[in-house]
């Protein structure tokens, strides 16, 4: 009978050890998953920041290109209307009015 009690105690200790080992493994796995999630969260945050930086850079490029094209169009318009501007300038039309698009203000009657 004593042998049976010892055997039951041994089996109980083994089960307890297995239970503790399983609990320890579960905690380690949970910690590992949490670390992976933190790492993935950090990576996601970094990717979002990089994406935002790229969008900002593109906006600056687009704005610069827009301003460049705008200046080119102004130069083109000025060169095409240079003769007309000189004519209207002689009639008292200011360059300020021309730049504001008020070229029509100088309706000259010939």
Protein backbone atom coordinates (compact mmCIF):
# COMPACT_ATOMS: atom_id res chain seq x y z
CA UNK A 1 0.00 0.00 0.00
CA UNK A 2 2.83 2.37 0.74
CA UNK A 3 4.17 1.62 -2.70
CA UNK A 4 0.90 2.62 -4.27
CA UNK A 5 0.87 5.90 -2.34
CA UNK A 6 4.45 6.63 -3.45
CA UNK A 7 3.55 5.82 -7.03
CA UNK A 8 0.54 8.14 -6.88
CA UNK A 9 2.70 10.89 -5.36
CA UNK A 10 5.32 10.38 -8.08
CA UNK A 11 2.66 10.52 -10.78
CA UNK A 12 1.19 13.64 -9.17
CA UNK A 13 4.65 15.31 -9.07
CA UNK A 14 5.24 14.43 -12.72
CA UNK A 15 1.86 15.87 -13.67
CA UNK A 16 2.56 18.98 -11.66
CA UNK A 17 5.96 19.34 -13.35
CA UNK A 18 4.35 18.83 -16.75
CA UNK A 19 1.72 21.40 -15.89
CA UNK A 20 4.37 23.88 -14.77
CA UNK A 21 6.43 23.20 -17.91
CA UNK A 22 3.35 23.69 -20.08
CA UNK A 23 2.51 26.93 -18.27
CA UNK A 24 6.10 28.14 -18.67
CA UNK A 25 6.07 27.32 -22.40
CA UNK A 26 2.72 29.06 -22.80
CA UNK A 27 4.06 32.20 -21.11
CA UNK A 28 7.21 32.12 -23.25
CA UNK A 29 5.14 31.75 -26.42
CA UNK A 30 2.83 34.59 -25.34
CA UNK A 31 5.83 36.81 -24.62
CA UNK A 32 7.33 35.90 -27.96
CA UNK A 33 4.07 36.76 -29.77
CA UNK A 34 3.85 40.05 -27.88
CA UNK A 35 7.43 40.87 -28.89
CA UNK A 36 6.62 40.02 -32.50
CA UNK A 37 3.53 42.23 -32.37
CA UNK A 38 5.57 45.08 -30.92
CA UNK A 39 8.16 44.58 -33.64
CA UNK A 40 5.46 44.47 -36.31
CA UNK A 41 3.82 47.55 -34.79
CA UNK A 42 7.15 49.38 -34.87
CA UNK A 43 7.71 48.31 -38.47
CA UNK A 44 4.21 49.43 -39.42
CA UNK A 45 4.74 52.79 -37.74
CA UNK A 46 8.06 53.21 -39.55
CA UNK A 47 6.46 52.31 -42.89
CA UNK A 48 3.65 54.80 -42.26
CA UNK A 49 6.19 57.53 -41.45
CA UNK A 50 8.17 56.70 -44.58
CA UNK A 51 4.97 56.81 -46.64
CA UNK A 52 4.02 60.19 -45.17
CA UNK A 53 7.53 61.51 -45.86
CA UNK A 54 7.29 60.27 -49.45
CA UNK A 55 3.92 61.98 -49.89
CA UNK A 56 5.33 65.24 -48.51
CA UNK A 57 8.33 64.98 -50.84
CA UNK A 58 6.04 64.38 -53.83
CA UNK A 59 3.84 67.33 -52.86
CA UNK A 60 6.91 69.55 -52.78
CA UNK A 61 8.01 68.21 -56.18
CA UNK A 62 4.53 68.72 -57.62
CA UNK A 63 4.36 72.26 -56.20
CA UNK A 64 7.79 73.08 -57.64
CA UNK A 65 6.80 71.64 -61.01
CA UNK A 66 3.53 73.59 -60.91
CA UNK A 67 5.36 76.82 -60.10
CA UNK A 68 7.93 76.12 -62.83
CA UNK A 69 5.20 75.48 -65.41
CA UNK A 70 3.34 78.56 -64.22
CA UNK A 71 6.45 80.69 -64.73
CA UNK A 72 7.02 79.16 -68.16
CA UNK A 73 3.44 79.98 -69.14
CA UNK A 74 3.86 83.55 -67.89
CA UNK A 75 7.03 83.91 -69.96
CA UNK A 76 5.30 82.41 -72.98
CA UNK A 77 2.32 84.72 -72.61
CA UNK A 78 4.61 87.70 -72.12
CA UNK A 79 6.68 86.85 -75.15
CA UNK A 80 3.55 86.29 -77.27
CA UNK A 81 1.95 89.49 -76.10
CA UNK A 82 5.09 91.61 -75.91
CA UNK A 83 4.11 93.60 -78.96
CA UNK A 84 0.56 94.08 -77.68
CA UNK A 85 1.86 95.09 -74.26
CA UNK A 86 4.04 97.73 -75.79
CA UNK A 87 1.07 99.04 -77.74
CA UNK A 88 -1.19 99.08 -74.69
CA UNK A 89 1.61 100.51 -72.57
CA UNK A 90 1.75 103.45 -74.92
CA UNK A 91 -1.99 103.91 -74.35
CA UNK A 92 -1.64 104.06 -70.54
CA UNK A 93 -2.33 100.44 -69.56
CA UNK A 94 -0.16 99.38 -66.65
CA UNK A 95 1.71 96.08 -66.50
CA UNK A 96 -0.06 95.43 -63.17
CA UNK A 97 -3.41 95.35 -64.93
CA UNK A 98 -2.05 93.02 -67.58
CA UNK A 99 -0.66 90.61 -65.00
CA UNK A 100 -3.99 90.51 -63.17
CA UNK A 101 -5.68 89.52 -66.39
CA UNK A 102 -7.28 92.90 -66.85
CA UNK A 103 -5.87 93.31 -70.33
CA UNK A 104 -9.41 94.02 -71.49
CA UNK A 105 -9.33 97.19 -69.40
CA UNK A 106 -7.30 98.73 -72.15
CA UNK A 107 -9.86 98.59 -74.88
CA UNK A 108 -8.21 100.92 -77.27
CA UNK A 109 -10.30 102.52 -79.92
CA UNK A 110 -8.34 102.93 -83.03
